[in-house]
Amino acid sequence: MKTAIVYDRVNKWGGAEQVLLVLHEMFPDASLYTSVYSPQNAVWAKVFPKIIPSFLQKIPFAQDHHEFFAPLMPLAFEGFDFSSYDLVISVTSEAAKGIITNTDTKHICICLTPTRYLWSGYDDYFPSTILKTGAAPIVAYLRHWDKIVAHRPDTMIAISTEVKKRIKKYYNRNASVVFPPTDISKFKNKNRLLVSNKDYFLIVSRLIPYKKIELAIDAFNKNGNSLIIVGIGSEAENLKARAKSNIKFLGFVNEKRLLNLYSEAKAVIFPQYEDFGLVAVEAIAAGTPVIGYKKGGILDIVKDGHNGIFFEKQTPEALNDAINRFFTIKWSNAIITSTAQKFSKEKFQKEFLRIVNSL
């Protein structure tokens, strides 16, 4: 079965890129199609036998500033020829689902979320009336195109119940939920400390506005507990200036150190509204409970009182109330780690192949 994989852009590393690598394990001969490819920022992609970018690759600065080329994304993906393939798998939060295939080629779309800047995140991307007015013609065109092409895939997979609801709301089509894969085994730590013996809380996140890291900083400025923040991003300096001495920023850390940080934390703080919540899965795989905002993809991951607890308002006060409650619960590492099994790589592969076979 000749297979191709399509992804919006190959210029970074994150949760979606982990999905691509698992797909590569399943379909090792599949070429990777994308709008732009940055070899220096996406070293992980070198495992693919062939990477095929669109015409945007030839435009200066497009590799690292794709956001300025949103109106051209429909042309970029509709321009690919998949007539020689039996199966095409698109992994997308934007335009890759818009590829055109013939009736002999099956198209499975793994939808990370309906295009965020057009739908659920519209107000975040265009916060002012001036921005909304200026972008209105482009947004109208892209919304119209996005709704149409969302019906091109033969099957659409949502990565969470939250994304399934958005697909129904914005695209008016049904989707199956298949949780993205996590290599659960690498998070196991036989020398894990009891939760009560750990001395810090942990955040692992890009430091950008919608992640709501400032909410956690304000909460820990008040409660005085130790907080370690792992990650880089545009808000790093502002957040450091906001934080008191009980809050430490580690920036980027390698995988080995990150695994240790997960295992040795009291709990992972998850203050944002996410499509899924890979960090929360990694935390529970390491036996560490999650304290998370009760909205979005995390509802598929956290079971209150078993592997974490929720807070219902994005305020420092609500987060601190949850932290106080956290200290009243006797946590079981064995129970926490057992709840991560439904997010394993093996389960993803099995469920995805079932869908392929059904086509």
Protein backbone atom coordinates (compact mmCIF):
# COMPACT_ATOMS: atom_id res chain seq x y z
CA MET A 1 0.00 0.00 0.00
CA LYS A 2 1.70 3.18 -1.18
CA THR A 3 1.25 5.83 1.50
CA ALA A 4 1.96 9.53 1.91
CA ILE A 5 1.85 11.67 5.05
CA VAL A 6 0.92 15.37 4.94
CA TYR A 7 1.59 17.94 7.68
CA ASP A 8 0.95 21.68 7.80
CA ARG A 9 4.60 22.72 8.20
CA VAL A 10 7.81 21.00 9.21
CA ASN A 11 9.69 23.67 11.15
CA LYS A 12 9.39 22.87 14.88
CA TRP A 13 9.10 20.13 17.50
CA GLY A 14 6.04 19.39 19.61
CA GLY A 15 3.23 16.95 20.28
CA ALA A 16 2.05 16.75 16.67
CA GLU A 17 5.56 15.92 15.54
CA GLN A 18 5.55 12.92 17.87
CA VAL A 19 2.45 11.69 16.06
CA LEU A 20 4.32 11.99 12.76
CA LEU A 21 7.21 9.90 14.04
CA VAL A 22 4.85 7.13 15.16
CA LEU A 23 3.18 7.21 11.74
CA HIS A 24 6.65 6.91 10.23
CA GLU A 25 7.24 3.76 12.30
CA MET A 26 3.99 2.35 10.92
CA PHE A 27 4.60 3.46 7.32
CA PRO A 28 8.41 3.71 7.01
CA ASP A 29 8.37 4.20 3.22
CA ALA A 30 5.88 7.10 3.29
CA SER A 31 7.05 10.48 1.99
CA LEU A 32 6.22 13.58 4.00
CA TYR A 33 4.48 16.47 2.20
CA THR A 34 4.29 19.92 3.77
CA SER A 35 3.97 23.63 3.03
CA VAL A 36 7.46 24.57 4.26
CA TYR A 37 10.41 22.62 5.65
CA SER A 38 13.15 24.01 7.89
CA PRO A 39 15.91 21.37 8.21
CA GLN A 40 17.68 23.23 11.01
CA ASN A 41 14.52 23.54 13.13
CA ALA A 42 13.14 20.08 12.37
CA VAL A 43 16.04 17.68 12.68
CA TRP A 44 13.56 14.97 13.73
CA ALA A 45 12.12 14.91 10.18
CA LYS A 46 15.30 13.51 8.64
CA VAL A 47 14.04 9.99 9.32
CA PHE A 48 11.53 10.34 6.49
CA PRO A 49 12.78 8.93 3.18
CA LYS A 50 11.63 12.04 1.32
CA ILE A 51 10.28 15.45 2.36
CA ILE A 52 8.36 17.33 -0.31
CA PRO A 53 7.59 21.02 0.43
CA SER A 54 5.24 23.21 -1.58
CA PHE A 55 6.11 26.20 -3.77
CA LEU A 56 6.20 28.31 -0.58
CA GLN A 57 9.60 26.80 0.19
CA LYS A 58 11.12 29.04 -2.48
CA ILE A 59 9.76 32.25 -0.95
CA PRO A 60 12.25 34.05 1.34
CA PHE A 61 11.45 33.82 5.07
CA ALA A 62 8.50 31.45 4.53
CA GLN A 63 10.23 28.57 6.34
CA ASP A 64 10.28 30.41 9.66
CA HIS A 65 7.42 32.90 9.20
CA HIS A 66 4.66 30.78 7.74
CA GLU A 67 2.00 32.82 9.55
CA PHE A 68 2.35 35.60 6.98
CA PHE A 69 1.44 33.19 4.17
CA ALA A 70 -1.91 31.89 5.46
CA PRO A 71 -3.83 33.10 2.34
CA LEU A 72 -1.51 30.97 0.17
CA MET A 73 -1.90 27.75 2.15
CA PRO A 74 -4.93 26.54 0.13
CA LEU A 75 -2.89 26.80 -3.08
CA ALA A 76 0.10 25.11 -1.44
CA PHE A 77 -1.80 21.97 -0.44
CA GLU A 78 -4.17 21.76 -3.39
CA GLY A 79 -1.13 21.81 -5.67
CA PHE A 80 0.19 18.42 -4.57
CA ASP A 81 -0.45 15.35 -6.75
CA PHE A 82 -1.44 12.19 -4.84
CA SER A 83 -2.78 10.22 -7.80
CA SER A 84 -0.16 7.48 -7.39
CA TYR A 85 -0.96 6.79 -3.71
CA ASP A 86 -3.35 4.30 -2.13
CA LEU A 87 -3.51 6.10 1.22
CA VAL A 88 -2.80 9.67 2.32
CA ILE A 89 -2.72 10.62 6.01
CA SER A 90 -2.99 14.31 6.85
CA VAL A 91 -2.03 15.55 10.31
CA THR A 92 -3.32 19.07 10.66
CA SER A 93 -4.50 22.04 12.68
CA GLU A 94 -4.75 24.18 9.57
CA ALA A 95 -4.65 23.53 5.82
CA ALA A 96 -3.21 20.05 5.21
CA LYS A 97 -6.69 18.50 5.23
CA GLY A 98 -7.36 20.49 2.04
CA ILE A 99 -5.35 18.19 -0.21
CA ILE A 100 -7.14 16.84 -3.27
CA THR A 101 -7.26 13.08 -3.87
CA ASN A 102 -9.05 10.97 -6.47
CA THR A 103 -11.62 8.28 -5.75
CA ASP A 104 -9.00 5.52 -5.72
CA THR A 105 -6.93 7.20 -2.97
CA LYS A 106 -8.18 7.05 0.62
CA HIS A 107 -7.59 10.11 2.81
CA ILE A 108 -7.53 9.87 6.61
CA CYS A 109 -7.26 13.17 8.47
CA ILE A 110 -5.91 13.35 12.03
CA CYS A 111 -7.36 16.68 13.11
CA LEU A 112 -5.40 18.31 15.92
CA THR A 113 -8.07 21.03 16.02
CA PRO A 114 -10.14 23.01 13.51
CA THR A 115 -7.99 25.91 12.33
CA ARG A 116 -7.53 27.79 15.59
CA TYR A 117 -7.08 31.35 14.28
CA LEU A 118 -10.28 31.01 12.23
CA TRP A 119 -12.51 29.42 14.86
CA SER A 120 -11.94 28.63 18.56
CA GLY A 121 -8.95 30.99 18.93
CA TYR A 122 -10.17 33.80 16.68
CA ASP A 123 -10.41 36.41 19.45
CA ASP A 124 -6.92 35.49 20.73
CA TYR A 125 -5.32 35.97 17.32
CA PHE A 126 -7.32 39.13 16.53
CA PRO A 127 -7.84 40.80 19.92
CA SER A 128 -8.66 44.31 18.68
CA THR A 129 -11.37 45.72 16.43
CA ILE A 130 -8.69 47.15 14.14
CA LEU A 131 -7.10 43.72 13.63
CA LYS A 132 -10.48 42.07 13.09
CA THR A 133 -11.47 44.70 10.52
CA GLY A 134 -8.18 44.53 8.66
CA ALA A 135 -8.17 40.75 8.50
CA ALA A 136 -11.89 40.36 7.75
CA PRO A 137 -11.64 39.65 3.96
CA ILE A 138 -8.87 37.07 4.40
CA VAL A 139 -10.60 35.41 7.38
CA ALA A 140 -13.89 35.22 5.45
CA TYR A 141 -12.17 33.58 2.47
CA LEU A 142 -10.22 31.10 4.62
CA ARG A 143 -13.28 30.19 6.71
CA HIS A 144 -15.27 29.45 3.56
CA TRP A 145 -12.44 27.29 2.17
CA ASP A 146 -11.82 25.59 5.51
CA LYS A 147 -15.45 24.47 5.85
CA ILE A 148 -15.47 23.02 2.35
CA VAL A 149 -12.19 21.11 2.55
CA ALA A 150 -13.01 19.65 5.97
CA HIS A 151 -15.32 17.29 4.07
CA ARG A 152 -12.63 16.07 1.65
CA PRO A 153 -11.09 13.38 3.91
CA ASP A 154 -12.80 9.97 3.79
CA THR A 155 -12.43 9.74 7.57
CA MET A 156 -11.64 12.37 10.19
CA ILE A 157 -10.00 11.49 13.51
CA ALA A 158 -10.10 13.86 16.48
CA ILE A 159 -7.31 13.76 19.07
CA SER A 160 -9.71 14.42 21.97
CA THR A 161 -13.38 14.69 22.86
CA GLU A 162 -12.93 18.47 22.86
CA VAL A 163 -11.65 18.44 19.27
CA LYS A 164 -14.47 16.09 18.22
CA LYS A 165 -16.98 18.66 19.51
CA ARG A 166 -15.22 21.47 17.61
CA ILE A 167 -15.22 19.44 14.39
CA LYS A 168 -18.97 18.99 14.72
CA LYS A 169 -19.50 22.65 15.63
CA TYR A 170 -17.37 24.28 12.93
CA TYR A 171 -17.37 21.66 10.15
CA ASN A 172 -20.66 19.86 10.80
CA ARG A 173 -19.15 16.41 10.43
CA ASN A 174 -18.57 13.52 12.77
CA ALA A 175 -15.16 12.27 13.86
CA SER A 176 -13.74 9.30 15.74
CA VAL A 177 -11.57 9.98 18.80
CA VAL A 178 -8.12 8.38 18.79
CA PHE A 179 -5.80 9.75 21.45
CA PRO A 180 -2.34 10.76 20.20
CA PRO A 181 0.47 8.35 21.05
CA THR A 182 2.82 8.64 24.02
CA ASP A 183 5.79 6.39 24.71
CA ILE A 184 4.56 5.52 28.19
CA SER A 185 7.44 3.16 28.97
CA LYS A 186 10.16 5.82 29.00
CA PHE A 187 8.45 7.68 31.86
CA LYS A 188 8.55 4.74 34.27
CA ASN A 189 10.83 5.32 37.24
CA LYS A 190 11.23 2.50 39.77
CA ASN A 191 13.01 4.87 42.17
CA ARG A 192 10.14 7.35 42.19
CA LEU A 193 9.67 9.18 45.48
CA LEU A 194 6.38 9.28 47.32
CA VAL A 195 4.42 12.39 46.38
CA SER A 196 4.60 13.59 49.98
CA ASN A 197 8.41 13.60 49.86
CA LYS A 198 8.74 15.79 46.77
CA ASP A 199 9.55 19.43 47.17
CA TYR A 200 8.41 21.33 44.06
CA PHE A 201 5.59 21.73 41.58
CA LEU A 202 6.29 21.74 37.84
CA ILE A 203 5.16 23.46 34.65
CA VAL A 204 6.29 22.21 31.22
CA SER A 205 5.13 24.56 28.51
CA ARG A 206 5.95 27.00 25.77
CA LEU A 207 6.03 30.44 27.36
CA ILE A 208 3.39 32.12 25.22
CA PRO A 209 0.23 34.03 26.22
CA TYR A 210 -2.52 31.42 25.86
CA LYS A 211 -0.65 28.96 28.11
CA LYS A 212 -1.62 31.18 31.09
CA ILE A 213 1.71 30.77 32.88
CA GLU A 214 1.24 34.17 34.51
CA LEU A 215 -1.80 32.75 36.34
CA ALA A 216 0.37 30.07 37.94
CA ILE A 217 3.11 32.57 38.77
CA ASP A 218 0.62 34.83 40.54
CA ALA A 219 -0.70 31.85 42.50
CA PHE A 220 2.77 30.69 43.58
CA ASN A 221 3.82 34.25 44.41
CA LYS A 222 1.04 34.08 47.00
CA ASN A 223 1.32 30.50 48.27
CA GLY A 224 5.14 30.45 48.53
CA ASN A 225 5.52 26.86 47.29
CA SER A 226 8.44 26.00 45.06
CA LEU A 227 7.65 26.04 41.33
CA ILE A 228 9.94 25.01 38.46
CA ILE A 229 9.04 26.16 34.93
CA VAL A 230 10.49 24.35 31.93
CA GLY A 231 10.16 25.89 28.48
CA ILE A 232 10.99 28.82 26.24
CA GLY A 233 8.88 31.38 24.42
CA SER A 234 8.06 35.00 23.70
CA GLU A 235 6.82 35.70 27.24
CA ALA A 236 9.90 34.37 29.05
CA GLU A 237 11.36 37.71 30.18
CA ASN A 238 7.99 39.14 31.24
CA LEU A 239 7.23 36.03 33.27
CA LYS A 240 10.65 36.04 34.95
CA ALA A 241 10.17 39.67 35.96
CA ARG A 242 6.78 38.77 37.44
CA ALA A 243 8.02 35.82 39.52
CA LYS A 244 9.31 35.77 43.10
CA SER A 245 12.36 33.82 44.25
CA ASN A 246 10.40 30.59 44.93
CA ILE A 247 9.86 30.24 41.16
CA LYS A 248 12.72 29.00 38.96
CA PHE A 249 12.96 29.00 35.16
CA LEU A 250 15.05 26.27 33.55
CA GLY A 251 14.42 27.11 29.90
CA PHE A 252 14.97 24.20 27.53
CA VAL A 253 16.05 20.91 29.13
CA ASN A 254 17.04 17.63 27.51
CA GLU A 255 14.82 14.57 27.64
CA LYS A 256 16.69 12.80 30.44
CA ARG A 257 16.44 15.78 32.75
CA LEU A 258 12.80 16.33 31.85
CA LEU A 259 11.95 12.74 32.77
CA ASN A 260 13.60 13.26 36.16
CA LEU A 261 11.76 16.54 36.69
CA TYR A 262 8.42 14.86 35.98
CA SER A 263 9.15 11.98 38.36
CA GLU A 264 10.41 14.19 41.20
CA ALA A 265 7.66 16.84 41.14
CA LYS A 266 4.82 16.96 43.62
CA ALA A 267 2.39 17.73 40.78
CA VAL A 268 2.34 19.25 37.31
CA ILE A 269 0.39 22.50 36.98
CA PHE A 270 -1.72 22.78 33.82
CA PRO A 271 -3.42 26.21 33.81
CA GLN A 272 -4.34 26.47 30.12
CA TYR A 273 -7.22 25.44 27.86
CA GLU A 274 -5.80 22.88 25.41
CA ASP A 275 -6.96 20.76 22.51
CA PHE A 276 -5.49 17.69 24.22
CA GLY A 277 -2.74 18.00 26.85
CA LEU A 278 0.34 15.90 26.10
CA VAL A 279 2.18 17.28 29.15
CA ALA A 280 -0.60 15.98 31.39
CA VAL A 281 -0.25 12.50 29.87
CA GLU A 282 3.52 12.57 30.36
CA ALA A 283 3.03 13.60 33.98
CA ILE A 284 0.68 10.76 34.87
CA ALA A 285 2.88 8.30 32.96
CA ALA A 286 5.64 9.34 35.38
CA GLY A 287 3.33 8.78 38.35
CA THR A 288 2.88 12.49 39.03
CA PRO A 289 -0.60 13.98 39.55
CA VAL A 290 -1.87 16.93 37.51
CA ILE A 291 -3.58 20.08 38.79
CA GLY A 292 -5.42 21.37 35.73
CA TYR A 293 -7.97 23.86 34.47
CA LYS A 294 -11.25 22.02 33.97
CA LYS A 295 -11.80 22.62 30.28
CA GLY A 296 -10.69 21.12 26.98
CA GLY A 297 -8.70 18.00 26.22
CA ILE A 298 -7.52 17.49 29.78
CA LEU A 299 -11.00 16.20 30.62
CA ASP A 300 -10.02 13.02 28.72
CA ILE A 301 -6.86 12.66 30.80
CA VAL A 302 -7.47 13.64 34.41
CA LYS A 303 -9.88 11.83 36.70
CA ASP A 304 -10.39 14.05 39.69
CA GLY A 305 -9.01 12.56 42.89
CA HIS A 306 -7.32 9.63 41.11
CA ASN A 307 -4.54 11.08 38.94
CA GLY A 308 -5.08 14.77 39.55
CA ILE A 309 -7.57 17.47 40.45
CA PHE A 310 -9.30 20.32 38.63
CA PHE A 311 -9.85 24.01 39.24
CA GLU A 312 -12.82 25.61 37.47
CA LYS A 313 -11.77 29.26 37.05
CA GLN A 314 -8.56 30.60 35.54
CA THR A 315 -7.68 32.68 38.59
CA PRO A 316 -4.79 32.45 41.08
CA GLU A 317 -7.31 32.00 43.88
CA ALA A 318 -8.97 28.99 42.21
CA LEU A 319 -5.58 27.41 41.51
CA ASN A 320 -4.45 27.91 45.11
CA ASP A 321 -7.69 26.36 46.39
CA ALA A 322 -6.91 23.32 44.22
CA ILE A 323 -3.33 23.16 45.54
CA ASN A 324 -4.64 23.26 49.11
CA ARG A 325 -6.97 20.38 48.25
CA PHE A 326 -4.07 18.52 46.63
CA PHE A 327 -2.32 18.32 50.02
CA THR A 328 -5.37 16.61 51.58
CA ILE A 329 -5.32 13.63 49.20
CA LYS A 330 -3.22 10.48 49.62
CA TRP A 331 -1.88 9.84 46.12
CA SER A 332 -0.99 6.42 44.70
CA ASN A 333 1.75 6.33 42.08
CA ALA A 334 0.49 2.94 40.88
CA ILE A 335 -3.02 4.24 40.31
CA ILE A 336 -1.72 7.37 38.57
CA THR A 337 0.52 5.47 36.15
CA SER A 338 -2.23 2.95 35.34
CA THR A 339 -4.44 5.75 34.01
CA ALA A 340 -1.85 6.58 31.33
CA GLN A 341 -2.15 3.27 29.50
CA LYS A 342 -4.99 4.39 27.23
CA PHE A 343 -2.62 6.97 25.71
CA SER A 344 0.10 4.49 24.78
CA LYS A 345 1.76 4.33 21.38
CA GLU A 346 0.64 0.72 20.98
CA LYS A 347 -3.02 1.59 21.53
CA PHE A 348 -2.81 4.45 19.00
CA GLN A 349 -1.25 2.15 16.40
CA LYS A 350 -3.90 -0.54 16.94
CA GLU A 351 -6.83 1.89 16.69
CA PHE A 352 -5.37 3.72 13.69
CA LEU A 353 -4.77 0.49 11.77
CA ARG A 354 -8.35 -0.55 12.52
CA ILE A 355 -9.55 2.62 10.79
CA VAL A 356 -7.19 2.05 7.84
CA ASN A 357 -8.51 -1.48 7.43
CA SER A 358 -12.11 -0.30 7.59
CA LEU A 359 -11.45 1.81 4.48
